[in-house]
């Protein structure tokens, strides 16, 4: 079992030239013995964004704090604290911080892709 504040987990910059101002923490993953999923916590600085991309697996997202938009297949959808998003496998998507504070969200993906 693992219980700890997510802020105590090492934060690493997202290493992708198409991302700007994004860091990620692996909150739960293979290092914890999780057999099926990886829980990641992303922080997107004001004006920052994840890369616009797609991949062959779904993910589920919970917005913890901040405000932004989720770009999905040509449309932008606003998100804020308490918002949830389901991103289907194979869909073009991106997370953008449109607010003045960091956008923090939890993202869960299958382990082999985390």
PDB file of N, CA and C in Angstrom:
ATOM      1  N   UNK A   1       0.849  -1.182   0.000  1.00  0.00           N
ATOM      2  CA  UNK A   1       0.000   0.000   0.000  1.00  0.00           C
ATOM      3  C   UNK A   1       0.891   1.241   0.000  1.00  0.00           C
ATOM      4  N   UNK A   2       0.393   2.289  -0.614  1.00  0.00           N
ATOM      5  CA  UNK A   2       1.130   3.546  -0.666  1.00  0.00           C
ATOM      6  C   UNK A   2       0.165   4.679  -0.334  1.00  0.00           C
ATOM      7  N   UNK A   3       0.554   5.513   0.614  1.00  0.00           N
ATOM      8  CA  UNK A   3      -0.206   6.711   0.927  1.00  0.00           C
ATOM      9  C   UNK A   3       0.809   7.819   1.172  1.00  0.00           C
ATOM     10  N   UNK A   4       0.694   8.896   0.425  1.00  0.00           N
ATOM     11  CA  UNK A   4       1.596  10.023   0.603  1.00  0.00           C
ATOM     12  C   UNK A   4       1.072  11.228  -0.151  1.00  0.00           C
ATOM     13  N   UNK A   5       1.491  12.416   0.210  1.00  0.00           N
ATOM     14  CA  UNK A   5       1.098  13.601  -0.555  1.00  0.00           C
ATOM     15  C   UNK A   5       1.740  13.559  -1.957  1.00  0.00           C
ATOM     16  N   UNK A   6       0.963  13.850  -2.978  1.00  0.00           N
ATOM     17  CA  UNK A   6       1.514  13.794  -4.334  1.00  0.00           C
ATOM     18  C   UNK A   6       2.643  14.798  -4.517  1.00  0.00           C
ATOM     19  N   UNK A   7       2.606  15.900  -3.764  1.00  0.00           N
ATOM     20  CA  UNK A   7       3.647  16.928  -3.892  1.00  0.00           C
ATOM     21  C   UNK A   7       5.008  16.427  -3.420  1.00  0.00           C
ATOM     22  N   UNK A   8       5.039  15.322  -2.666  1.00  0.00           N
ATOM     23  CA  UNK A   8       6.312  14.751  -2.216  1.00  0.00           C
ATOM     24  C   UNK A   8       6.964  13.871  -3.285  1.00  0.00           C
ATOM     25  N   UNK A   9       6.272  13.618  -4.371  1.00  0.00           N
ATOM     26  CA  UNK A   9       6.794  12.784  -5.456  1.00  0.00           C
ATOM     27  C   UNK A   9       7.587  13.670  -6.419  1.00  0.00           C
ATOM     28  N   UNK A  10       8.727  13.166  -6.872  1.00  0.00           N
ATOM     29  CA  UNK A  10       9.581  13.940  -7.777  1.00  0.00           C
ATOM     30  C   UNK A  10       8.823  14.343  -9.046  1.00  0.00           C
ATOM     31  N   UNK A  11       8.968  15.598  -9.401  1.00  0.00           N
ATOM     32  CA  UNK A  11       8.341  16.146 -10.599  1.00  0.00           C
ATOM     33  C   UNK A  11       9.400  16.285 -11.683  1.00  0.00           C
ATOM     34  N   UNK A  12       9.097  15.799 -12.879  1.00  0.00           N
ATOM     35  CA  UNK A  12      10.051  15.871 -13.996  1.00  0.00           C
ATOM     36  C   UNK A  12       9.413  16.591 -15.175  1.00  0.00           C
ATOM     37  N   UNK A  13      10.182  17.413 -15.877  1.00  0.00           N
ATOM     38  CA  UNK A  13       9.645  18.076 -17.077  1.00  0.00           C
ATOM     39  C   UNK A  13       9.241  17.046 -18.126  1.00  0.00           C
ATOM     40  N   UNK A  14       8.164  17.328 -18.843  1.00  0.00           N
ATOM     41  CA  UNK A  14       7.767  16.475 -19.964  1.00  0.00           C
ATOM     42  C   UNK A  14       8.763  16.739 -21.080  1.00  0.00           C
ATOM     43  N   UNK A  15       9.456  15.684 -21.487  1.00  0.00           N
ATOM     44  CA  UNK A  15      10.537  15.794 -22.469  1.00  0.00           C
ATOM     45  C   UNK A  15       9.974  15.634 -23.879  1.00  0.00           C
ATOM     46  N   UNK A  16       9.338  16.681 -24.363  1.00  0.00           N
ATOM     47  CA  UNK A  16       8.769  16.689 -25.707  1.00  0.00           C
ATOM     48  C   UNK A  16       8.833  18.126 -26.203  1.00  0.00           C
ATOM     49  N   UNK A  17       9.465  18.375 -27.327  1.00  0.00           N
ATOM     50  CA  UNK A  17       9.581  19.751 -27.810  1.00  0.00           C
ATOM     51  C   UNK A  17       8.239  20.402 -28.133  1.00  0.00           C
ATOM     52  N   UNK A  18       7.183  19.604 -28.284  1.00  0.00           N
ATOM     53  CA  UNK A  18       5.852  20.160 -28.568  1.00  0.00           C
ATOM     54  C   UNK A  18       5.104  20.531 -27.288  1.00  0.00           C
ATOM     55  N   UNK A  19       5.703  20.263 -26.116  1.00  0.00           N
ATOM     56  CA  UNK A  19       5.100  20.641 -24.836  1.00  0.00           C
ATOM     57  C   UNK A  19       5.767  21.908 -24.335  1.00  0.00           C
ATOM     58  N   UNK A  20       5.012  22.669 -23.541  1.00  0.00           N
ATOM     59  CA  UNK A  20       5.551  23.898 -22.963  1.00  0.00           C
ATOM     60  C   UNK A  20       5.066  24.049 -21.529  1.00  0.00           C
ATOM     61  N   UNK A  21       6.005  24.134 -20.575  1.00  0.00           N
ATOM     62  CA  UNK A  21       5.639  24.371 -19.185  1.00  0.00           C
ATOM     63  C   UNK A  21       4.897  23.233 -18.515  1.00  0.00           C
ATOM     64  N   UNK A  22       5.229  21.982 -18.869  1.00  0.00           N
ATOM     65  CA  UNK A  22       4.519  20.833 -18.328  1.00  0.00           C
ATOM     66  C   UNK A  22       5.489  19.944 -17.543  1.00  0.00           C
ATOM     67  N   UNK A  23       5.078  19.582 -16.321  1.00  0.00           N
ATOM     68  CA  UNK A  23       5.821  18.606 -15.537  1.00  0.00           C
ATOM     69  C   UNK A  23       4.892  17.457 -15.168  1.00  0.00           C
ATOM     70  N   UNK A  24       5.508  16.309 -14.835  1.00  0.00           N
ATOM     71  CA  UNK A  24       4.730  15.116 -14.522  1.00  0.00           C
ATOM     72  C   UNK A  24       5.325  14.397 -13.317  1.00  0.00           C
ATOM     73  N   UNK A  25       4.437  13.869 -12.493  1.00  0.00           N
ATOM     74  CA  UNK A  25       4.809  12.996 -11.376  1.00  0.00           C
ATOM     75  C   UNK A  25       4.149  11.640 -11.614  1.00  0.00           C
ATOM     76  N   UNK A  26       4.884  10.559 -11.396  1.00  0.00           N
ATOM     77  CA  UNK A  26       4.277   9.224 -11.419  1.00  0.00           C
ATOM     78  C   UNK A  26       3.818   8.944  -9.998  1.00  0.00           C
ATOM     79  N   UNK A  27       2.515   9.119  -9.745  1.00  0.00           N
ATOM     80  CA  UNK A  27       1.971   8.961  -8.400  1.00  0.00           C
ATOM     81  C   UNK A  27       1.879   7.494  -7.999  1.00  0.00           C
ATOM     82  N   UNK A  28       1.412   6.658  -8.920  1.00  0.00           N
ATOM     83  CA  UNK A  28       1.345   5.213  -8.715  1.00  0.00           C
ATOM     84  C   UNK A  28       1.722   4.564 -10.034  1.00  0.00           C
ATOM     85  N   UNK A  29       2.634   3.601  -9.972  1.00  0.00           N
ATOM     86  CA  UNK A  29       3.062   2.952 -11.201  1.00  0.00           C
ATOM     87  C   UNK A  29       3.798   1.662 -10.928  1.00  0.00           C
ATOM     88  N   UNK A  30       4.586   1.226 -11.903  1.00  0.00           N
ATOM     89  CA  UNK A  30       5.315  -0.037 -11.766  1.00  0.00           C
ATOM     90  C   UNK A  30       6.203  -0.094 -10.520  1.00  0.00           C
ATOM     91  N   UNK A  31       6.806   1.030 -10.155  1.00  0.00           N
ATOM     92  CA  UNK A  31       7.677   1.058  -8.973  1.00  0.00           C
ATOM     93  C   UNK A  31       6.906   0.781  -7.678  1.00  0.00           C
ATOM     94  N   UNK A  32       5.581   0.877  -7.732  1.00  0.00           N
ATOM     95  CA  UNK A  32       4.728   0.583  -6.575  1.00  0.00           C
ATOM     96  C   UNK A  32       4.121  -0.813  -6.668  1.00  0.00           C
ATOM     97  N   UNK A  33       4.403  -1.513  -7.767  1.00  0.00           N
ATOM     98  CA  UNK A  33       3.832  -2.842  -7.973  1.00  0.00           C
ATOM     99  C   UNK A  33       2.459  -2.827  -8.611  1.00  0.00           C
ATOM    100  N   UNK A  34       2.021  -1.675  -9.124  1.00  0.00           N
ATOM    101  CA  UNK A  34       0.704  -1.583  -9.767  1.00  0.00           C
ATOM    102  C   UNK A  34       0.724  -2.419 -11.059  1.00  0.00           C
ATOM    103  N   UNK A  35      -0.106  -3.455 -11.150  1.00  0.00           N
ATOM    104  CA  UNK A  35      -0.029  -4.355 -12.293  1.00  0.00           C
ATOM    105  C   UNK A  35      -0.732  -3.888 -13.565  1.00  0.00           C
ATOM    106  N   UNK A  36      -1.672  -2.942 -13.462  1.00  0.00           N
ATOM    107  CA  UNK A  36      -2.477  -2.634 -14.635  1.00  0.00           C
ATOM    108  C   UNK A  36      -2.490  -1.181 -15.072  1.00  0.00           C
ATOM    109  N   UNK A  37      -2.346  -0.226 -14.144  1.00  0.00           N
ATOM    110  CA  UNK A  37      -2.492   1.186 -14.482  1.00  0.00           C
ATOM    111  C   UNK A  37      -1.365   2.027 -13.914  1.00  0.00           C
ATOM    112  N   UNK A  38      -1.194   3.207 -14.517  1.00  0.00           N
ATOM    113  CA  UNK A  38      -0.251   4.206 -14.021  1.00  0.00           C
ATOM    114  C   UNK A  38      -1.046   5.481 -13.777  1.00  0.00           C
ATOM    115  N   UNK A  39      -0.903   6.019 -12.573  1.00  0.00           N
ATOM    116  CA  UNK A  39      -1.546   7.291 -12.236  1.00  0.00           C
ATOM    117  C   UNK A  39      -0.474   8.374 -12.279  1.00  0.00           C
ATOM    118  N   UNK A  40      -0.716   9.361 -13.143  1.00  0.00           N
ATOM    119  CA  UNK A  40       0.244  10.452 -13.315  1.00  0.00           C
ATOM    120  C   UNK A  40      -0.423  11.757 -12.908  1.00  0.00           C
ATOM    121  N   UNK A  41       0.364  12.661 -12.326  1.00  0.00           N
ATOM    122  CA  UNK A  41      -0.128  13.986 -11.973  1.00  0.00           C
ATOM    123  C   UNK A  41       0.662  14.993 -12.803  1.00  0.00           C
ATOM    124  N   UNK A  42      -0.055  15.733 -13.643  1.00  0.00           N
ATOM    125  CA  UNK A  42       0.565  16.737 -14.501  1.00  0.00           C
ATOM    126  C   UNK A  42       0.321  18.131 -13.946  1.00  0.00           C
ATOM    127  N   UNK A  43       1.303  18.989 -14.092  1.00  0.00           N
ATOM    128  CA  UNK A  43       1.156  20.407 -13.787  1.00  0.00           C
ATOM    129  C   UNK A  43       1.517  21.172 -15.052  1.00  0.00           C
ATOM    130  N   UNK A  44       0.601  22.031 -15.484  1.00  0.00           N
ATOM    131  CA  UNK A  44       0.818  22.858 -16.671  1.00  0.00           C
ATOM    132  C   UNK A  44       0.840  24.310 -16.203  1.00  0.00           C
ATOM    133  N   UNK A  45       1.953  24.971 -16.419  1.00  0.00           N
ATOM    134  CA  UNK A  45       2.099  26.363 -15.990  1.00  0.00           C
ATOM    135  C   UNK A  45       1.211  27.283 -16.837  1.00  0.00           C
ATOM    136  N   UNK A  46       0.864  28.461 -16.314  1.00  0.00           N
ATOM    137  CA  UNK A  46       0.051  29.405 -17.096  1.00  0.00           C
ATOM    138  C   UNK A  46       0.666  29.638 -18.487  1.00  0.00           C
ATOM    139  N   UNK A  47      -0.178  29.541 -19.510  1.00  0.00           N
ATOM    140  CA  UNK A  47       0.277  29.689 -20.887  1.00  0.00           C
ATOM    141  C   UNK A  47       0.883  28.434 -21.476  1.00  0.00           C
ATOM    142  N   UNK A  48       1.046  27.394 -20.655  1.00  0.00           N
ATOM    143  CA  UNK A  48       1.659  26.149 -21.126  1.00  0.00           C
ATOM    144  C   UNK A  48       0.656  25.191 -21.723  1.00  0.00           C
ATOM    145  N   UNK A  49       1.184  24.114 -22.313  1.00  0.00           N
ATOM    146  CA  UNK A  49       0.330  23.109 -22.953  1.00  0.00           C
ATOM    147  C   UNK A  49       1.079  21.798 -23.129  1.00  0.00           C
ATOM    148  N   UNK A  50       0.304  20.731 -23.160  1.00  0.00           N
ATOM    149  CA  UNK A  50       0.859  19.422 -23.512  1.00  0.00           C
ATOM    150  C   UNK A  50       0.990  19.371 -25.034  1.00  0.00           C
ATOM    151  N   UNK A  51       1.718  18.391 -25.553  1.00  0.00           N
ATOM    152  CA  UNK A  51       1.768  18.272 -27.015  1.00  0.00           C
ATOM    153  C   UNK A  51       0.392  17.882 -27.562  1.00  0.00           C
ATOM    154  N   UNK A  52       0.082  18.291 -28.763  1.00  0.00           N
ATOM    155  CA  UNK A  52      -1.142  17.835 -29.436  1.00  0.00           C
ATOM    156  C   UNK A  52      -0.779  16.492 -30.049  1.00  0.00           C
ATOM    157  N   UNK A  53      -1.436  15.439 -29.582  1.00  0.00           N
ATOM    158  CA  UNK A  53      -1.029  14.091 -29.970  1.00  0.00           C
ATOM    159  C   UNK A  53      -2.191  13.103 -29.861  1.00  0.00           C
ATOM    160  N   UNK A  54      -1.934  11.899 -30.321  1.00  0.00           N
ATOM    161  CA  UNK A  54      -2.863  10.787 -30.142  1.00  0.00           C
ATOM    162  C   UNK A  54      -2.037   9.544 -29.841  1.00  0.00           C
ATOM    163  N   UNK A  55      -2.674   8.536 -29.294  1.00  0.00           N
ATOM    164  CA  UNK A  55      -2.010   7.275 -28.984  1.00  0.00           C
ATOM    165  C   UNK A  55      -3.056   6.167 -28.946  1.00  0.00           C
ATOM    166  N   UNK A  56      -2.623   4.917 -28.996  1.00  0.00           N
ATOM    167  CA  UNK A  56      -3.569   3.804 -29.129  1.00  0.00           C
ATOM    168  C   UNK A  56      -4.252   3.363 -27.837  1.00  0.00           C
ATOM    169  N   UNK A  57      -4.183   4.164 -26.799  1.00  0.00           N
ATOM    170  CA  UNK A  57      -4.825   3.808 -25.539  1.00  0.00           C
ATOM    171  C   UNK A  57      -5.628   4.989 -25.001  1.00  0.00           C
ATOM    172  N   UNK A  58      -6.659   4.681 -24.256  1.00  0.00           N
ATOM    173  CA  UNK A  58      -7.498   5.702 -23.624  1.00  0.00           C
ATOM    174  C   UNK A  58      -6.810   6.251 -22.391  1.00  0.00           C
ATOM    175  N   UNK A  59      -7.312   7.379 -21.905  1.00  0.00           N
ATOM    176  CA  UNK A  59      -6.991   7.774 -20.545  1.00  0.00           C
ATOM    177  C   UNK A  59      -8.122   8.580 -19.937  1.00  0.00           C
ATOM    178  N   UNK A  60      -8.115   8.548 -18.608  1.00  0.00           N
ATOM    179  CA  UNK A  60      -9.122   9.232 -17.826  1.00  0.00           C
ATOM    180  C   UNK A  60      -8.428  10.334 -17.040  1.00  0.00           C
ATOM    181  N   UNK A  61      -9.075  11.493 -16.958  1.00  0.00           N
ATOM    182  CA  UNK A  61      -8.450  12.668 -16.363  1.00  0.00           C
ATOM    183  C   UNK A  61      -9.389  13.286 -15.324  1.00  0.00           C
ATOM    184  N   UNK A  62      -8.801  13.726 -14.208  1.00  0.00           N
ATOM    185  CA  UNK A  62      -9.513  14.489 -13.189  1.00  0.00           C
ATOM    186  C   UNK A  62      -8.735  15.773 -12.943  1.00  0.00           C
ATOM    187  N   UNK A  63      -9.385  16.914 -13.107  1.00  0.00           N
ATOM    188  CA  UNK A  63      -8.723  18.204 -12.897  1.00  0.00           C
ATOM    189  C   UNK A  63      -8.800  18.542 -11.416  1.00  0.00           C
ATOM    190  N   UNK A  64      -7.639  18.724 -10.825  1.00  0.00           N
ATOM    191  CA  UNK A  64      -7.540  19.016  -9.391  1.00  0.00           C
ATOM    192  C   UNK A  64      -7.628  20.517  -9.131  1.00  0.00           C
ATOM    193  N   UNK A  65      -6.857  21.303  -9.881  1.00  0.00           N
ATOM    194  CA  UNK A  65      -6.932  22.756  -9.722  1.00  0.00           C
ATOM    195  C   UNK A  65      -6.493  23.462 -10.986  1.00  0.00           C
ATOM    196  N   UNK A  66      -6.871  24.729 -11.075  1.00  0.00           N
ATOM    197  CA  UNK A  66      -6.542  25.538 -12.242  1.00  0.00           C
ATOM    198  C   UNK A  66      -7.650  25.501 -13.283  1.00  0.00           C
ATOM    199  N   UNK A  67      -7.418  26.242 -14.360  1.00  0.00           N
ATOM    200  CA  UNK A  67      -8.386  26.310 -15.461  1.00  0.00           C
ATOM    201  C   UNK A  67      -7.675  26.126 -16.778  1.00  0.00           C
ATOM    202  N   UNK A  68      -8.379  25.505 -17.694  1.00  0.00           N
ATOM    203  CA  UNK A  68      -7.778  25.269 -18.994  1.00  0.00           C
ATOM    204  C   UNK A  68      -8.791  24.789 -19.999  1.00  0.00           C
ATOM    205  N   UNK A  69      -8.243  24.247 -21.062  1.00  0.00           N
ATOM    206  CA  UNK A  69      -9.060  23.668 -22.129  1.00  0.00           C
ATOM    207  C   UNK A  69      -8.465  22.332 -22.523  1.00  0.00           C
ATOM    208  N   UNK A  70      -9.358  21.426 -22.892  1.00  0.00           N
ATOM    209  CA  UNK A  70      -8.941  20.170 -23.497  1.00  0.00           C
ATOM    210  C   UNK A  70      -9.314  20.270 -24.970  1.00  0.00           C
ATOM    211  N   UNK A  71      -8.294  20.251 -25.810  1.00  0.00           N
ATOM    212  CA  UNK A  71      -8.523  20.208 -27.247  1.00  0.00           C
ATOM    213  C   UNK A  71      -8.775  18.752 -27.597  1.00  0.00           C
ATOM    214  N   UNK A  72      -9.869  18.481 -28.301  1.00  0.00           N
ATOM    215  CA  UNK A  72     -10.194  17.113 -28.699  1.00  0.00           C
ATOM    216  C   UNK A  72     -10.802  17.122 -30.083  1.00  0.00           C
ATOM    217  N   UNK A  73     -10.089  16.516 -31.027  1.00  0.00           N
ATOM    218  CA  UNK A  73     -10.591  16.348 -32.383  1.00  0.00           C
ATOM    219  C   UNK A  73     -11.133  17.644 -32.977  1.00  0.00           C
ATOM    220  N   UNK A  74     -10.390  18.753 -32.828  1.00  0.00           N
ATOM    221  CA  UNK A  74     -10.767  20.003 -33.473  1.00  0.00           C
ATOM    222  C   UNK A  74     -11.600  20.956 -32.648  1.00  0.00           C
ATOM    223  N   UNK A  75     -12.003  20.558 -31.431  1.00  0.00           N
ATOM    224  CA  UNK A  75     -12.799  21.431 -30.563  1.00  0.00           C
ATOM    225  C   UNK A  75     -12.092  21.623 -29.233  1.00  0.00           C
ATOM    226  N   UNK A  76     -12.290  22.788 -28.610  1.00  0.00           N
ATOM    227  CA  UNK A  76     -11.732  23.062 -27.290  1.00  0.00           C
ATOM    228  C   UNK A  76     -12.865  23.064 -26.263  1.00  0.00           C
ATOM    229  N   UNK A  77     -12.660  22.342 -25.162  1.00  0.00           N
ATOM    230  CA  UNK A  77     -13.645  22.230 -24.101  1.00  0.00           C
ATOM    231  C   UNK A  77     -13.054  22.780 -22.811  1.00  0.00           C
ATOM    232  N   UNK A  78     -13.739  23.714 -22.136  1.00  0.00           N
ATOM    233  CA  UNK A  78     -13.201  24.273 -20.894  1.00  0.00           C
ATOM    234  C   UNK A  78     -13.235  23.250 -19.755  1.00  0.00           C
ATOM    235  N   UNK A  79     -12.201  23.305 -18.896  1.00  0.00           N
ATOM    236  CA  UNK A  79     -12.135  22.466 -17.706  1.00  0.00           C
ATOM    237  C   UNK A  79     -11.665  23.305 -16.524  1.00  0.00           C
ATOM    238  N   UNK A  80     -12.050  22.888 -15.340  1.00  0.00           N
ATOM    239  CA  UNK A  80     -11.638  23.540 -14.110  1.00  0.00           C
ATOM    240  C   UNK A  80     -11.680  22.539 -12.976  1.00  0.00           C
ATOM    241  N   UNK A  81     -11.437  22.977 -11.744  1.00  0.00           N
ATOM    242  CA  UNK A  81     -11.414  22.056 -10.611  1.00  0.00           C
ATOM    243  C   UNK A  81     -12.676  21.204 -10.544  1.00  0.00           C
ATOM    244  N   UNK A  82     -12.457  19.891 -10.443  1.00  0.00           N
ATOM    245  CA  UNK A  82     -13.570  18.953 -10.370  1.00  0.00           C
ATOM    246  C   UNK A  82     -14.014  18.406 -11.711  1.00  0.00           C
ATOM    247  N   UNK A  83     -13.497  18.955 -12.815  1.00  0.00           N
ATOM    248  CA  UNK A  83     -13.858  18.434 -14.137  1.00  0.00           C
ATOM    249  C   UNK A  83     -13.230  17.058 -14.349  1.00  0.00           C
ATOM    250  N   UNK A  84     -13.945  16.224 -15.083  1.00  0.00           N
ATOM    251  CA  UNK A  84     -13.404  14.940 -15.515  1.00  0.00           C
ATOM    252  C   UNK A  84     -13.432  14.906 -17.041  1.00  0.00           C
ATOM    253  N   UNK A  85     -12.493  14.167 -17.609  1.00  0.00           N
ATOM    254  CA  UNK A  85     -12.438  14.025 -19.062  1.00  0.00           C
ATOM    255  C   UNK A  85     -12.057  12.589 -19.394  1.00  0.00           C
ATOM    256  N   UNK A  86     -12.717  12.046 -20.386  1.00  0.00           N
ATOM    257  CA  UNK A  86     -12.357  10.740 -20.935  1.00  0.00           C
ATOM    258  C   UNK A  86     -11.811  10.995 -22.328  1.00  0.00           C
ATOM    259  N   UNK A  87     -10.583  10.565 -22.574  1.00  0.00           N
ATOM    260  CA  UNK A  87      -9.953  10.739 -23.883  1.00  0.00           C
ATOM    261  C   UNK A  87      -9.876   9.358 -24.532  1.00  0.00           C
ATOM    262  N   UNK A  88     -10.682   9.121 -25.576  1.00  0.00           N
ATOM    263  CA  UNK A  88     -10.688   7.809 -26.222  1.00  0.00           C
ATOM    264  C   UNK A  88      -9.368   7.504 -26.926  1.00  0.00           C
ATOM    265  N   UNK A  89      -9.077   6.250 -27.054  1.00  0.00           N
ATOM    266  CA  UNK A  89      -7.888   5.806 -27.780  1.00  0.00           C
ATOM    267  C   UNK A  89      -7.934   6.340 -29.212  1.00  0.00           C
ATOM    268  N   UNK A  90      -6.795   6.752 -29.706  1.00  0.00           N
ATOM    269  CA  UNK A  90      -6.675   7.186 -31.088  1.00  0.00           C
ATOM    270  C   UNK A  90      -7.161   8.586 -31.386  1.00  0.00           C
ATOM    271  N   UNK A  91      -7.634   9.327 -30.391  1.00  0.00           N
ATOM    272  CA  UNK A  91      -8.156  10.672 -30.664  1.00  0.00           C
ATOM    273  C   UNK A  91      -7.073  11.736 -30.458  1.00  0.00           C
ATOM    274  N   UNK A  92      -7.106  12.747 -31.303  1.00  0.00           N
ATOM    275  CA  UNK A  92      -6.159  13.863 -31.220  1.00  0.00           C
ATOM    276  C   UNK A  92      -6.581  14.767 -30.064  1.00  0.00           C
ATOM    277  N   UNK A  93      -5.645  15.024 -29.128  1.00  0.00           N
ATOM    278  CA  UNK A  93      -5.987  15.797 -27.943  1.00  0.00           C
ATOM    279  C   UNK A  93      -4.792  16.591 -27.417  1.00  0.00           C
ATOM    280  N   UNK A  94      -5.103  17.567 -26.554  1.00  0.00           N
ATOM    281  CA  UNK A  94      -4.090  18.429 -25.949  1.00  0.00           C
ATOM    282  C   UNK A  94      -4.704  19.121 -24.734  1.00  0.00           C
ATOM    283  N   UNK A  95      -3.901  19.364 -23.718  1.00  0.00           N
ATOM    284  CA  UNK A  95      -4.321  20.112 -22.532  1.00  0.00           C
ATOM    285  C   UNK A  95      -3.611  21.458 -22.532  1.00  0.00           C
ATOM    286  N   UNK A  96      -4.380  22.536 -22.345  1.00  0.00           N
ATOM    287  CA  UNK A  96      -3.842  23.896 -22.405  1.00  0.00           C
ATOM    288  C   UNK A  96      -4.257  24.633 -21.134  1.00  0.00           C
ATOM    289  N   UNK A  97      -3.308  25.315 -20.501  1.00  0.00           N
ATOM    290  CA  UNK A  97      -3.636  26.142 -19.338  1.00  0.00           C
ATOM    291  C   UNK A  97      -4.039  27.513 -19.840  1.00  0.00           C
ATOM    292  N   UNK A  98      -5.281  27.894 -19.575  1.00  0.00           N
ATOM    293  CA  UNK A  98      -5.787  29.209 -19.991  1.00  0.00           C
ATOM    294  C   UNK A  98      -5.936  30.154 -18.798  1.00  0.00           C
ATOM    295  N   UNK A  99      -5.544  29.692 -17.617  1.00  0.00           N
ATOM    296  CA  UNK A  99      -5.721  30.492 -16.407  1.00  0.00           C
ATOM    297  C   UNK A  99      -4.455  31.185 -15.947  1.00  0.00           C
ATOM    298  N   UNK A 100      -4.553  31.782 -14.774  1.00  0.00           N
ATOM    299  CA  UNK A 100      -3.419  32.503 -14.172  1.00  0.00           C
ATOM    300  C   UNK A 100      -2.623  31.645 -13.204  1.00  0.00           C
ATOM    301  N   UNK A 101      -3.184  30.502 -12.822  1.00  0.00           N
ATOM    302  CA  UNK A 101      -2.547  29.592 -11.875  1.00  0.00           C
ATOM    303  C   UNK A 101      -2.206  28.284 -12.573  1.00  0.00           C
ATOM    304  N   UNK A 102      -1.329  27.471 -11.968  1.00  0.00           N
ATOM    305  CA  UNK A 102      -1.033  26.170 -12.575  1.00  0.00           C
ATOM    306  C   UNK A 102      -2.298  25.317 -12.731  1.00  0.00           C
ATOM    307  N   UNK A 103      -2.363  24.597 -13.824  1.00  0.00           N
ATOM    308  CA  UNK A 103      -3.411  23.610 -14.081  1.00  0.00           C
ATOM    309  C   UNK A 103      -2.846  22.267 -13.630  1.00  0.00           C
ATOM    310  N   UNK A 104      -3.504  21.626 -12.667  1.00  0.00           N
ATOM    311  CA  UNK A 104      -3.034  20.348 -12.136  1.00  0.00           C
ATOM    312  C   UNK A 104      -4.113  19.304 -12.393  1.00  0.00           C
ATOM    313  N   UNK A 105      -3.727  18.217 -13.057  1.00  0.00           N
ATOM    314  CA  UNK A 105      -4.696  17.155 -13.315  1.00  0.00           C
ATOM    315  C   UNK A 105      -4.067  15.781 -13.152  1.00  0.00           C
ATOM    316  N   UNK A 106      -4.922  14.830 -12.788  1.00  0.00           N
ATOM    317  CA  UNK A 106      -4.529  13.430 -12.636  1.00  0.00           C
ATOM    318  C   UNK A 106      -4.944  12.704 -13.910  1.00  0.00           C
ATOM    319  N   UNK A 107      -4.043  11.888 -14.426  1.00  0.00           N
ATOM    320  CA  UNK A 107      -4.305  11.139 -15.654  1.00  0.00           C
ATOM    321  C   UNK A 107      -3.969   9.667 -15.407  1.00  0.00           C
ATOM    322  N   UNK A 108      -4.895   8.771 -15.720  1.00  0.00           N
ATOM    323  CA  UNK A 108      -4.689   7.343 -15.548  1.00  0.00           C
ATOM    324  C   UNK A 108      -4.626   6.677 -16.912  1.00  0.00           C
ATOM    325  N   UNK A 109      -3.576   5.881 -17.123  1.00  0.00           N
ATOM    326  CA  UNK A 109      -3.376   5.155 -18.394  1.00  0.00           C
ATOM    327  C   UNK A 109      -3.033   3.701 -18.099  1.00  0.00           C
ATOM    328  N   UNK A 110      -3.205   2.802 -19.098  1.00  0.00           N
ATOM    329  CA  UNK A 110      -2.775   1.416 -18.905  1.00  0.00           C
ATOM    330  C   UNK A 110      -1.275   1.363 -18.628  1.00  0.00           C
ATOM    331  N   UNK A 111      -0.857   0.469 -17.780  1.00  0.00           N
ATOM    332  CA  UNK A 111       0.540   0.391 -17.350  1.00  0.00           C
ATOM    333  C   UNK A 111       1.525   0.270 -18.498  1.00  0.00           C
ATOM    334  N   UNK A 112       1.289  -0.547 -19.471  1.00  0.00           N
ATOM    335  CA  UNK A 112       2.247  -0.748 -20.546  1.00  0.00           C
ATOM    336  C   UNK A 112       2.481   0.526 -21.347  1.00  0.00           C
ATOM    337  N   UNK A 113       1.611   1.530 -21.184  1.00  0.00           N
ATOM    338  CA  UNK A 113       1.748   2.774 -21.936  1.00  0.00           C
ATOM    339  C   UNK A 113       2.089   3.949 -21.027  1.00  0.00           C
ATOM    340  N   UNK A 114       2.289   3.759 -19.751  1.00  0.00           N
ATOM    341  CA  UNK A 114       2.483   4.839 -18.810  1.00  0.00           C
ATOM    342  C   UNK A 114       3.873   5.288 -18.667  1.00  0.00           C
TER     343      UNK A 114
END
